[in-house]
N, C-alpha and C. Protein backbone atom coordinates (compact mmCIF):
# COMPACT_ATOMS: atom_id res chain seq x y z
N MET A 1 -51.83 -177.58 37.99
CA MET A 1 -50.81 -176.91 38.79
C MET A 1 -51.37 -175.56 39.23
N GLU A 2 -51.23 -175.29 40.50
CA GLU A 2 -51.63 -173.99 41.05
C GLU A 2 -50.40 -173.29 41.61
N GLY A 3 -50.51 -172.00 41.80
CA GLY A 3 -49.39 -171.27 42.37
C GLY A 3 -49.81 -169.95 42.99
N VAL A 4 -48.95 -169.48 43.89
CA VAL A 4 -49.10 -168.15 44.47
C VAL A 4 -47.73 -167.47 44.38
N PHE A 5 -47.76 -166.16 44.14
CA PHE A 5 -46.54 -165.37 43.99
C PHE A 5 -46.69 -164.10 44.79
N TYR A 6 -45.61 -163.70 45.45
CA TYR A 6 -45.60 -162.42 46.14
C TYR A 6 -44.50 -161.56 45.52
N ASN A 7 -44.90 -160.47 44.90
CA ASN A 7 -43.97 -159.52 44.30
C ASN A 7 -43.54 -158.53 45.37
N ASP A 8 -42.26 -158.57 45.75
CA ASP A 8 -41.83 -157.70 46.83
C ASP A 8 -41.11 -156.43 46.37
N ALA A 9 -40.93 -156.26 45.06
CA ALA A 9 -40.29 -155.03 44.56
C ALA A 9 -40.55 -154.87 43.08
N THR A 10 -40.46 -153.64 42.63
CA THR A 10 -40.58 -153.30 41.22
C THR A 10 -39.25 -152.70 40.77
N PHE A 11 -38.82 -153.08 39.57
CA PHE A 11 -37.61 -152.50 39.02
C PHE A 11 -37.96 -151.16 38.40
N VAL A 12 -37.23 -150.11 38.78
CA VAL A 12 -37.53 -148.76 38.34
C VAL A 12 -37.52 -148.66 36.82
N SER A 13 -36.52 -149.23 36.16
CA SER A 13 -36.40 -149.09 34.70
C SER A 13 -37.10 -150.20 33.92
N HIS A 14 -37.66 -151.18 34.62
CA HIS A 14 -38.35 -152.30 33.96
C HIS A 14 -39.67 -152.55 34.69
N SER A 15 -40.64 -151.72 34.45
CA SER A 15 -41.88 -151.75 35.22
C SER A 15 -42.61 -153.09 35.17
N GLY A 16 -42.39 -153.88 34.14
CA GLY A 16 -43.06 -155.17 34.04
C GLY A 16 -42.32 -156.30 34.74
N SER A 17 -41.12 -156.02 35.25
CA SER A 17 -40.32 -157.05 35.90
C SER A 17 -40.79 -157.28 37.33
N LEU A 18 -40.61 -158.52 37.78
CA LEU A 18 -41.04 -158.89 39.12
C LEU A 18 -39.88 -159.46 39.92
N HIS A 19 -39.92 -159.28 41.22
CA HIS A 19 -38.91 -159.83 42.13
C HIS A 19 -39.67 -160.35 43.34
N GLY A 20 -39.53 -161.64 43.63
CA GLY A 20 -40.24 -162.17 44.78
C GLY A 20 -40.14 -163.67 44.87
N ASN A 21 -41.07 -164.28 45.60
CA ASN A 21 -41.10 -165.72 45.84
C ASN A 21 -42.42 -166.30 45.39
N ALA A 22 -42.38 -167.61 45.11
CA ALA A 22 -43.59 -168.31 44.69
C ALA A 22 -43.64 -169.70 45.31
N VAL A 23 -44.84 -170.23 45.36
CA VAL A 23 -45.06 -171.63 45.71
C VAL A 23 -45.94 -172.20 44.60
N LEU A 24 -45.49 -173.31 44.01
CA LEU A 24 -46.27 -174.02 43.00
C LEU A 24 -46.67 -175.37 43.58
N SER A 25 -47.88 -175.82 43.27
CA SER A 25 -48.37 -177.07 43.83
C SER A 25 -49.28 -177.80 42.86
N LYS A 26 -49.14 -179.11 42.81
CA LYS A 26 -50.09 -179.90 42.02
C LYS A 26 -51.36 -180.13 42.83
N TYR A 27 -51.35 -179.78 44.10
CA TYR A 27 -52.53 -179.89 44.96
C TYR A 27 -53.19 -178.52 45.10
N SER A 28 -54.44 -178.54 45.47
CA SER A 28 -55.20 -177.31 45.61
C SER A 28 -54.64 -176.44 46.74
N ILE A 29 -54.46 -175.16 46.45
CA ILE A 29 -54.02 -174.21 47.47
C ILE A 29 -55.27 -173.60 48.10
N GLU A 30 -55.44 -173.85 49.40
CA GLU A 30 -56.63 -173.37 50.11
C GLU A 30 -56.53 -171.91 50.48
N LYS A 31 -55.35 -171.50 50.90
CA LYS A 31 -55.13 -170.09 51.27
C LYS A 31 -53.64 -169.82 51.22
N SER A 32 -53.29 -168.55 51.21
CA SER A 32 -51.88 -168.17 51.22
C SER A 32 -51.72 -166.82 51.90
N GLU A 33 -50.50 -166.59 52.35
CA GLU A 33 -50.16 -165.30 52.94
C GLU A 33 -48.68 -165.05 52.69
N HIS A 34 -48.28 -163.81 52.84
CA HIS A 34 -46.86 -163.50 52.77
C HIS A 34 -46.46 -162.80 54.06
N ILE A 35 -45.25 -163.09 54.48
CA ILE A 35 -44.69 -162.50 55.69
C ILE A 35 -43.47 -161.70 55.24
N VAL A 36 -43.54 -160.40 55.39
CA VAL A 36 -42.45 -159.53 54.96
C VAL A 36 -41.29 -159.66 55.94
N LEU A 37 -40.11 -159.95 55.40
CA LEU A 37 -38.90 -160.01 56.20
C LEU A 37 -38.12 -158.70 56.09
N LYS A 38 -38.14 -158.11 54.90
CA LYS A 38 -37.51 -156.80 54.67
C LYS A 38 -38.23 -156.17 53.49
N SER A 39 -38.63 -154.92 53.66
CA SER A 39 -39.37 -154.28 52.57
C SER A 39 -38.51 -153.22 51.88
N LYS A 40 -38.76 -153.08 50.59
CA LYS A 40 -38.15 -152.06 49.74
C LYS A 40 -38.99 -152.07 48.48
N GLU A 41 -39.64 -150.98 48.17
CA GLU A 41 -40.63 -150.98 47.10
C GLU A 41 -40.05 -151.02 45.70
N THR A 42 -38.87 -150.42 45.50
CA THR A 42 -38.29 -150.39 44.16
C THR A 42 -36.82 -150.81 44.20
N LEU A 43 -36.35 -151.31 43.06
CA LEU A 43 -34.94 -151.64 42.87
C LEU A 43 -34.47 -150.96 41.59
N THR A 44 -33.31 -150.35 41.63
CA THR A 44 -32.73 -149.77 40.42
C THR A 44 -31.82 -150.81 39.77
N ASP A 45 -31.45 -150.57 38.51
CA ASP A 45 -30.53 -151.47 37.83
C ASP A 45 -29.21 -151.56 38.58
N GLU A 46 -28.72 -150.44 39.10
CA GLU A 46 -27.46 -150.46 39.84
C GLU A 46 -27.58 -151.32 41.10
N GLU A 47 -28.68 -151.19 41.82
CA GLU A 47 -28.88 -151.99 43.02
C GLU A 47 -28.94 -153.48 42.69
N PHE A 48 -29.61 -153.80 41.58
CA PHE A 48 -29.76 -155.20 41.22
C PHE A 48 -28.44 -155.82 40.75
N SER A 49 -27.55 -155.03 40.17
CA SER A 49 -26.31 -155.58 39.61
C SER A 49 -25.08 -155.36 40.49
N ASN A 50 -25.21 -154.67 41.58
CA ASN A 50 -24.07 -154.38 42.45
C ASN A 50 -24.27 -155.08 43.80
N SER A 51 -23.38 -156.02 44.11
CA SER A 51 -23.56 -156.85 45.31
C SER A 51 -23.54 -156.06 46.62
N LYS A 52 -23.03 -154.84 46.62
CA LYS A 52 -23.04 -154.08 47.88
C LYS A 52 -24.47 -153.74 48.31
N TYR A 53 -25.42 -153.77 47.37
CA TYR A 53 -26.81 -153.49 47.70
C TYR A 53 -27.61 -154.74 48.08
N PHE A 54 -27.06 -155.93 47.81
CA PHE A 54 -27.83 -157.16 48.01
C PHE A 54 -28.37 -157.34 49.43
N PRO A 55 -27.64 -156.95 50.48
CA PRO A 55 -28.21 -157.12 51.82
C PRO A 55 -29.48 -156.29 52.05
N ASP A 56 -29.70 -155.27 51.22
CA ASP A 56 -30.88 -154.41 51.38
C ASP A 56 -32.05 -154.83 50.50
N PHE A 57 -31.92 -155.91 49.76
CA PHE A 57 -33.02 -156.37 48.90
C PHE A 57 -34.23 -156.73 49.74
N PRO A 58 -35.42 -156.53 49.17
CA PRO A 58 -36.64 -156.96 49.87
C PRO A 58 -36.68 -158.48 49.97
N ARG A 59 -37.24 -158.97 51.06
CA ARG A 59 -37.33 -160.41 51.30
C ARG A 59 -38.68 -160.73 51.95
N ALA A 60 -39.20 -161.92 51.65
CA ALA A 60 -40.48 -162.33 52.23
C ALA A 60 -40.58 -163.85 52.24
N ILE A 61 -41.50 -164.33 53.04
CA ILE A 61 -41.88 -165.74 53.04
C ILE A 61 -43.23 -165.82 52.34
N VAL A 62 -43.39 -166.77 51.44
CA VAL A 62 -44.71 -167.09 50.90
C VAL A 62 -45.15 -168.38 51.58
N ASP A 63 -46.32 -168.35 52.19
CA ASP A 63 -46.86 -169.50 52.94
C ASP A 63 -48.19 -169.90 52.30
N ALA A 64 -48.18 -171.05 51.62
CA ALA A 64 -49.39 -171.56 50.97
C ALA A 64 -49.86 -172.80 51.72
N THR A 65 -51.13 -172.86 52.04
CA THR A 65 -51.70 -174.04 52.69
C THR A 65 -52.37 -174.90 51.65
N ILE A 66 -51.89 -176.14 51.54
CA ILE A 66 -52.48 -177.09 50.59
C ILE A 66 -53.20 -178.18 51.37
N ARG A 67 -54.12 -178.84 50.71
CA ARG A 67 -54.90 -179.91 51.33
C ARG A 67 -54.44 -181.25 50.78
N LEU A 68 -53.96 -182.12 51.68
CA LEU A 68 -53.61 -183.49 51.32
C LEU A 68 -54.58 -184.43 52.01
N ALA A 69 -54.50 -185.71 51.71
CA ALA A 69 -55.38 -186.70 52.34
C ALA A 69 -55.20 -186.69 53.86
N ASN A 70 -53.99 -186.40 54.33
CA ASN A 70 -53.70 -186.35 55.76
C ASN A 70 -54.14 -185.05 56.41
N GLY A 71 -54.57 -184.08 55.63
CA GLY A 71 -54.98 -182.79 56.17
C GLY A 71 -54.19 -181.64 55.56
N PRO A 72 -54.32 -180.44 56.14
CA PRO A 72 -53.63 -179.29 55.58
C PRO A 72 -52.13 -179.33 55.85
N VAL A 73 -51.36 -178.81 54.89
CA VAL A 73 -49.91 -178.69 55.01
C VAL A 73 -49.50 -177.30 54.54
N HIS A 74 -48.69 -176.64 55.33
CA HIS A 74 -48.11 -175.36 54.91
C HIS A 74 -46.90 -175.65 54.04
N VAL A 75 -46.86 -175.06 52.86
CA VAL A 75 -45.70 -175.14 51.97
C VAL A 75 -45.18 -173.72 51.82
N LEU A 76 -43.93 -173.51 52.24
CA LEU A 76 -43.39 -172.17 52.32
C LEU A 76 -42.15 -172.01 51.45
N SER A 77 -42.00 -170.82 50.90
CA SER A 77 -40.83 -170.46 50.09
C SER A 77 -40.21 -169.20 50.66
N VAL A 78 -38.88 -169.18 50.71
CA VAL A 78 -38.19 -168.01 51.27
C VAL A 78 -36.89 -167.76 50.50
N HIS A 79 -36.48 -166.52 50.47
CA HIS A 79 -35.20 -166.12 49.89
C HIS A 79 -34.55 -165.18 50.90
N GLY A 80 -33.50 -165.65 51.55
CA GLY A 80 -32.90 -164.91 52.66
C GLY A 80 -31.91 -163.85 52.24
N ALA A 81 -31.52 -163.04 53.21
CA ALA A 81 -30.56 -161.94 53.01
C ALA A 81 -29.25 -162.47 52.44
N TRP A 82 -28.65 -161.70 51.53
CA TRP A 82 -27.46 -162.14 50.81
C TRP A 82 -26.26 -161.28 51.18
N THR A 83 -25.15 -161.93 51.47
CA THR A 83 -23.86 -161.27 51.60
C THR A 83 -22.81 -162.20 51.00
N ALA A 84 -21.73 -161.63 50.53
CA ALA A 84 -20.63 -162.45 50.01
C ALA A 84 -19.36 -162.03 50.73
N PRO A 85 -18.73 -162.99 51.39
CA PRO A 85 -19.13 -164.38 51.60
C PRO A 85 -20.31 -164.45 52.58
N PRO A 86 -20.97 -165.62 52.66
CA PRO A 86 -22.09 -165.75 53.61
C PRO A 86 -21.64 -165.38 55.03
N THR A 87 -22.41 -164.48 55.64
CA THR A 87 -22.05 -163.94 56.95
C THR A 87 -23.30 -163.81 57.81
N ASP A 88 -23.15 -164.01 59.11
CA ASP A 88 -24.25 -163.80 60.05
C ASP A 88 -24.38 -162.31 60.36
N THR A 89 -24.90 -161.55 59.41
CA THR A 89 -25.10 -160.12 59.64
C THR A 89 -26.29 -159.91 60.57
N PRO A 90 -26.38 -158.76 61.21
CA PRO A 90 -27.56 -158.50 62.04
C PRO A 90 -28.87 -158.65 61.25
N GLU A 91 -28.88 -158.24 59.98
CA GLU A 91 -30.10 -158.36 59.17
C GLU A 91 -30.43 -159.82 58.88
N ALA A 92 -29.44 -160.62 58.53
CA ALA A 92 -29.67 -162.04 58.27
C ALA A 92 -30.16 -162.75 59.53
N LEU A 93 -29.59 -162.42 60.67
CA LEU A 93 -30.02 -163.02 61.94
C LEU A 93 -31.45 -162.59 62.30
N ARG A 94 -31.77 -161.33 62.05
CA ARG A 94 -33.12 -160.83 62.32
C ARG A 94 -34.14 -161.59 61.46
N GLN A 95 -33.83 -161.77 60.17
CA GLN A 95 -34.73 -162.49 59.29
C GLN A 95 -34.87 -163.95 59.72
N ALA A 96 -33.77 -164.59 60.13
CA ALA A 96 -33.83 -165.98 60.59
C ALA A 96 -34.75 -166.12 61.80
N LYS A 97 -34.70 -165.15 62.70
CA LYS A 97 -35.58 -165.19 63.88
C LYS A 97 -37.04 -165.07 63.46
N LEU A 98 -37.33 -164.21 62.48
CA LEU A 98 -38.71 -164.06 61.99
C LEU A 98 -39.18 -165.35 61.34
N ILE A 99 -38.31 -166.01 60.59
CA ILE A 99 -38.66 -167.29 59.95
C ILE A 99 -38.96 -168.33 61.03
N ALA A 100 -38.08 -168.46 62.01
CA ALA A 100 -38.27 -169.45 63.08
C ALA A 100 -39.54 -169.16 63.88
N GLU A 101 -39.81 -167.88 64.15
CA GLU A 101 -41.03 -167.52 64.89
C GLU A 101 -42.27 -167.90 64.10
N HIS A 102 -42.26 -167.64 62.79
CA HIS A 102 -43.42 -168.00 61.97
C HIS A 102 -43.63 -169.51 61.97
N LEU A 103 -42.56 -170.27 61.77
CA LEU A 103 -42.68 -171.72 61.76
C LEU A 103 -43.18 -172.23 63.11
N GLY A 104 -42.72 -171.62 64.18
CA GLY A 104 -43.13 -172.02 65.53
C GLY A 104 -44.61 -171.80 65.80
N ARG A 105 -45.22 -170.86 65.08
CA ARG A 105 -46.65 -170.58 65.26
C ARG A 105 -47.55 -171.51 64.46
N LEU A 106 -47.00 -172.23 63.52
CA LEU A 106 -47.83 -173.09 62.67
C LEU A 106 -48.37 -174.27 63.47
N GLN A 107 -49.63 -174.55 63.30
CA GLN A 107 -50.30 -175.62 64.04
C GLN A 107 -50.43 -176.91 63.24
N THR A 108 -50.04 -176.89 61.99
CA THR A 108 -50.16 -178.06 61.12
C THR A 108 -48.79 -178.35 60.50
N PRO A 109 -48.62 -179.50 59.86
CA PRO A 109 -47.35 -179.84 59.23
C PRO A 109 -46.90 -178.78 58.22
N PHE A 110 -45.58 -178.65 58.07
CA PHE A 110 -45.05 -177.67 57.13
C PHE A 110 -43.77 -178.17 56.47
N ILE A 111 -43.53 -177.60 55.29
CA ILE A 111 -42.28 -177.80 54.54
C ILE A 111 -41.85 -176.41 54.06
N LEU A 112 -40.63 -176.03 54.38
CA LEU A 112 -40.07 -174.74 53.97
C LEU A 112 -38.88 -175.00 53.06
N GLY A 113 -38.89 -174.39 51.89
CA GLY A 113 -37.76 -174.49 50.99
C GLY A 113 -37.29 -173.12 50.58
N GLY A 114 -36.00 -173.00 50.33
CA GLY A 114 -35.54 -171.72 49.84
C GLY A 114 -34.04 -171.54 49.82
N ASP A 115 -33.67 -170.45 49.21
CA ASP A 115 -32.28 -170.00 49.13
C ASP A 115 -32.06 -169.08 50.32
N LEU A 116 -31.36 -169.57 51.32
CA LEU A 116 -31.10 -168.75 52.50
C LEU A 116 -29.80 -167.98 52.40
N ASN A 117 -29.07 -168.17 51.30
CA ASN A 117 -27.86 -167.41 51.03
C ASN A 117 -26.83 -167.50 52.15
N THR A 118 -26.80 -168.63 52.82
CA THR A 118 -25.81 -168.82 53.88
C THR A 118 -25.49 -170.30 54.01
N THR A 119 -24.39 -170.60 54.60
CA THR A 119 -23.89 -171.97 54.69
C THR A 119 -24.34 -172.64 55.99
N PRO A 120 -24.31 -173.99 56.02
CA PRO A 120 -24.85 -174.73 57.17
C PRO A 120 -24.20 -174.42 58.51
N ASP A 121 -22.99 -173.88 58.51
CA ASP A 121 -22.29 -173.60 59.76
C ASP A 121 -22.69 -172.27 60.40
N LYS A 122 -23.51 -171.49 59.75
CA LYS A 122 -23.85 -170.16 60.25
C LYS A 122 -25.01 -170.18 61.25
N GLN A 123 -25.06 -169.17 62.09
CA GLN A 123 -26.11 -169.03 63.11
C GLN A 123 -27.49 -168.91 62.49
N VAL A 124 -27.58 -168.31 61.30
CA VAL A 124 -28.87 -168.19 60.62
C VAL A 124 -29.53 -169.56 60.52
N ILE A 125 -28.78 -170.55 60.10
CA ILE A 125 -29.33 -171.90 59.95
C ILE A 125 -29.64 -172.50 61.32
N LYS A 126 -28.77 -172.28 62.29
CA LYS A 126 -29.00 -172.82 63.64
C LYS A 126 -30.30 -172.26 64.23
N ILE A 127 -30.59 -170.99 63.97
CA ILE A 127 -31.82 -170.36 64.49
C ILE A 127 -33.05 -171.05 63.87
N ILE A 128 -33.04 -171.25 62.56
CA ILE A 128 -34.18 -171.89 61.90
C ILE A 128 -34.33 -173.34 62.36
N GLU A 129 -33.21 -173.99 62.64
CA GLU A 129 -33.24 -175.37 63.13
C GLU A 129 -33.89 -175.50 64.51
N THR A 130 -34.07 -174.40 65.22
CA THR A 130 -34.79 -174.46 66.50
C THR A 130 -36.29 -174.69 66.29
N ALA A 131 -36.76 -174.43 65.05
CA ALA A 131 -38.19 -174.56 64.76
C ALA A 131 -38.50 -175.65 63.74
N ALA A 132 -37.46 -176.21 63.10
CA ALA A 132 -37.71 -177.17 62.01
C ALA A 132 -36.51 -178.08 61.82
N ASN A 133 -36.77 -179.23 61.20
CA ASN A 133 -35.70 -180.16 60.86
C ASN A 133 -35.06 -179.75 59.55
N ASN A 134 -33.75 -179.61 59.56
CA ASN A 134 -32.98 -179.27 58.37
C ASN A 134 -32.73 -180.57 57.60
N LEU A 135 -33.39 -180.76 56.47
CA LEU A 135 -33.29 -182.01 55.74
C LEU A 135 -31.96 -182.16 55.01
N ILE A 136 -31.19 -181.10 54.89
CA ILE A 136 -29.87 -181.16 54.26
C ILE A 136 -28.86 -181.81 55.21
N THR A 137 -29.06 -181.64 56.51
CA THR A 137 -28.13 -182.18 57.50
C THR A 137 -28.00 -183.70 57.33
N GLY A 138 -26.77 -184.15 57.25
CA GLY A 138 -26.51 -185.58 57.11
C GLY A 138 -26.64 -186.10 55.69
N SER A 139 -27.01 -185.25 54.75
CA SER A 139 -27.16 -185.70 53.35
C SER A 139 -25.80 -185.62 52.64
N ALA A 140 -25.78 -186.08 51.43
CA ALA A 140 -24.56 -186.01 50.61
C ALA A 140 -24.45 -184.68 49.86
N ILE A 141 -25.38 -183.78 50.07
CA ILE A 141 -25.37 -182.50 49.36
C ILE A 141 -24.27 -181.61 49.91
N THR A 142 -23.35 -181.20 49.04
CA THR A 142 -22.24 -180.33 49.45
C THR A 142 -22.25 -179.00 48.71
N ARG A 143 -23.09 -178.88 47.69
CA ARG A 143 -23.18 -177.60 46.98
C ARG A 143 -24.57 -177.48 46.38
N THR A 144 -25.07 -176.24 46.37
CA THR A 144 -26.33 -175.96 45.69
C THR A 144 -26.19 -174.78 44.73
N THR A 145 -24.99 -174.23 44.63
CA THR A 145 -24.72 -173.22 43.60
C THR A 145 -24.28 -173.95 42.34
N HIS A 146 -24.77 -173.50 41.19
CA HIS A 146 -24.47 -174.19 39.94
C HIS A 146 -22.98 -174.05 39.61
N PRO A 147 -22.31 -175.17 39.31
CA PRO A 147 -20.86 -175.13 39.09
C PRO A 147 -20.41 -174.35 37.85
N LYS A 148 -21.33 -174.08 36.92
CA LYS A 148 -20.92 -173.38 35.70
C LYS A 148 -21.42 -171.95 35.61
N VAL A 149 -22.53 -171.62 36.25
CA VAL A 149 -23.09 -170.29 36.01
C VAL A 149 -23.20 -169.40 37.25
N HIS A 150 -23.05 -169.92 38.43
CA HIS A 150 -23.17 -169.06 39.62
C HIS A 150 -21.94 -168.18 39.75
N LYS A 151 -22.15 -166.93 40.18
CA LYS A 151 -21.03 -165.99 40.26
C LYS A 151 -19.97 -166.40 41.27
N VAL A 152 -20.33 -167.26 42.23
CA VAL A 152 -19.33 -167.78 43.18
C VAL A 152 -19.20 -169.30 43.01
N ALA A 153 -19.31 -169.76 41.76
CA ALA A 153 -19.31 -171.19 41.46
C ALA A 153 -18.08 -171.91 42.00
N ALA A 154 -16.94 -171.27 41.95
CA ALA A 154 -15.70 -171.91 42.39
C ALA A 154 -15.72 -172.23 43.88
N LYS A 155 -16.57 -171.58 44.64
CA LYS A 155 -16.59 -171.78 46.08
C LYS A 155 -17.42 -172.99 46.52
N GLU A 156 -18.17 -173.59 45.61
CA GLU A 156 -18.99 -174.77 45.93
C GLU A 156 -19.80 -174.59 47.21
N LEU A 157 -20.66 -173.60 47.23
CA LEU A 157 -21.45 -173.30 48.42
C LEU A 157 -22.76 -174.07 48.45
N SER A 158 -23.13 -174.47 49.64
CA SER A 158 -24.45 -175.06 49.88
C SER A 158 -25.26 -174.01 50.63
N VAL A 159 -26.21 -173.38 49.91
CA VAL A 159 -26.96 -172.26 50.49
C VAL A 159 -28.48 -172.43 50.37
N ASP A 160 -28.91 -173.53 49.75
CA ASP A 160 -30.34 -173.79 49.55
C ASP A 160 -30.76 -174.94 50.45
N TYR A 161 -31.98 -174.85 50.99
CA TYR A 161 -32.38 -175.78 52.05
C TYR A 161 -33.83 -176.22 51.89
N ILE A 162 -34.12 -177.34 52.51
CA ILE A 162 -35.49 -177.75 52.79
C ILE A 162 -35.55 -178.07 54.27
N PHE A 163 -36.51 -177.45 54.95
CA PHE A 163 -36.79 -177.70 56.36
C PHE A 163 -38.19 -178.28 56.45
N ALA A 164 -38.45 -179.09 57.46
CA ALA A 164 -39.79 -179.66 57.63
C ALA A 164 -40.10 -179.83 59.11
N SER A 165 -41.39 -179.88 59.38
CA SER A 165 -41.84 -180.15 60.75
C SER A 165 -41.61 -181.62 61.07
N ASN A 166 -41.79 -181.97 62.33
CA ASN A 166 -41.57 -183.35 62.79
C ASN A 166 -42.60 -184.35 62.24
N HIS A 167 -43.56 -183.87 61.47
CA HIS A 167 -44.59 -184.74 60.91
C HIS A 167 -44.08 -185.60 59.76
N PHE A 168 -42.88 -185.27 59.24
CA PHE A 168 -42.40 -185.91 58.03
C PHE A 168 -41.16 -186.76 58.26
N LYS A 169 -41.06 -187.80 57.46
CA LYS A 169 -39.88 -188.66 57.41
C LYS A 169 -39.23 -188.44 56.04
N LEU A 170 -37.92 -188.19 56.04
CA LEU A 170 -37.19 -188.00 54.79
C LEU A 170 -36.86 -189.36 54.18
N LEU A 171 -37.27 -189.56 52.93
CA LEU A 171 -36.96 -190.79 52.21
C LEU A 171 -35.75 -190.63 51.29
N GLN A 172 -35.64 -189.44 50.69
CA GLN A 172 -34.56 -189.19 49.72
C GLN A 172 -34.39 -187.69 49.55
N ILE A 173 -33.14 -187.26 49.35
CA ILE A 173 -32.87 -185.86 49.05
C ILE A 173 -31.65 -185.79 48.14
N GLU A 174 -31.73 -184.90 47.15
CA GLU A 174 -30.62 -184.75 46.21
C GLU A 174 -30.62 -183.33 45.64
N SER A 175 -29.51 -182.98 45.04
CA SER A 175 -29.37 -181.69 44.37
C SER A 175 -28.72 -181.94 43.02
N PRO A 176 -29.54 -182.32 42.02
CA PRO A 176 -28.97 -182.68 40.71
C PRO A 176 -28.38 -181.48 39.98
N VAL A 177 -27.31 -181.73 39.23
CA VAL A 177 -26.68 -180.67 38.45
C VAL A 177 -27.42 -180.55 37.13
N VAL A 178 -28.40 -179.64 37.12
CA VAL A 178 -29.18 -179.31 35.92
C VAL A 178 -29.22 -177.80 35.81
N LEU A 179 -29.32 -177.31 34.61
CA LEU A 179 -29.31 -175.86 34.39
C LEU A 179 -30.74 -175.32 34.35
N VAL A 180 -31.22 -174.88 35.49
CA VAL A 180 -32.52 -174.21 35.58
C VAL A 180 -32.36 -172.82 36.20
N SER A 181 -31.18 -172.58 36.78
CA SER A 181 -30.93 -171.34 37.51
C SER A 181 -29.43 -171.27 37.81
N ASP A 182 -29.01 -170.23 38.50
CA ASP A 182 -27.63 -170.19 38.98
C ASP A 182 -27.48 -171.04 40.25
N HIS A 183 -28.61 -171.57 40.73
CA HIS A 183 -28.61 -172.52 41.84
C HIS A 183 -29.09 -173.88 41.34
N LEU A 184 -28.72 -174.92 42.07
CA LEU A 184 -29.20 -176.26 41.76
C LEU A 184 -30.50 -176.49 42.53
N PRO A 185 -31.41 -177.26 41.97
CA PRO A 185 -32.62 -177.58 42.74
C PRO A 185 -32.28 -178.54 43.88
N VAL A 186 -33.02 -178.43 44.96
CA VAL A 186 -32.93 -179.40 46.04
C VAL A 186 -34.26 -180.15 46.00
N VAL A 187 -34.19 -181.45 45.79
CA VAL A 187 -35.38 -182.26 45.59
C VAL A 187 -35.45 -183.30 46.70
N ALA A 188 -36.57 -183.31 47.41
CA ALA A 188 -36.73 -184.26 48.52
C ALA A 188 -38.00 -185.07 48.35
N LYS A 189 -37.94 -186.31 48.79
CA LYS A 189 -39.11 -187.17 48.82
C LYS A 189 -39.40 -187.44 50.30
N LEU A 190 -40.61 -187.07 50.73
CA LEU A 190 -41.00 -187.17 52.13
C LEU A 190 -42.26 -188.03 52.25
N GLU A 191 -42.47 -188.56 53.44
CA GLU A 191 -43.74 -189.18 53.74
C GLU A 191 -44.13 -188.80 55.15
N PHE A 192 -45.45 -188.84 55.40
CA PHE A 192 -45.92 -188.57 56.75
C PHE A 192 -45.48 -189.71 57.67
N LYS A 193 -45.06 -189.34 58.87
CA LYS A 193 -44.74 -190.35 59.87
C LYS A 193 -46.05 -190.99 60.36
N ASP A 194 -45.96 -192.24 60.77
CA ASP A 194 -47.15 -192.91 61.30
C ASP A 194 -47.53 -192.37 62.66
């Protein structure tokens, strides 16, 4: 297993703590880069625990290129701007445009996964859908927040996504209720189109 991590902030009172995104792969990672969506070098305990600061959190895309038998594939991880309730804020829309622009520049197949902190009906998702196929669309997935531990668990929100380029065919997608986070994993099985 290989991985890349981008640390986008340091906690002022916990210097060893990390905040950021990662991509893990059982395939060899040939190269990686990060694309900053919003920068902020430090986070205080108050900022981390008070939702009024969440829209100002640092955000980035991690883009790892892996080598498969079919050729290189970009595997990307993102964590989008957060507001409660999910809202198309100017910052969230700006970040969505940056994500879509980056995906539009890729010359090889890609898969993007992440917590976009917004629901399927919002413009943020529509913007990203201009550059990629939303694999959640048409699925049976209705929630990705954990029903027991997420702070807005009662709202049954679907805020986590997998997007892919047109190179892939979706075989299966699910969001099993397992306790690994305050979010549920979104697991997809894909194959290259002929």
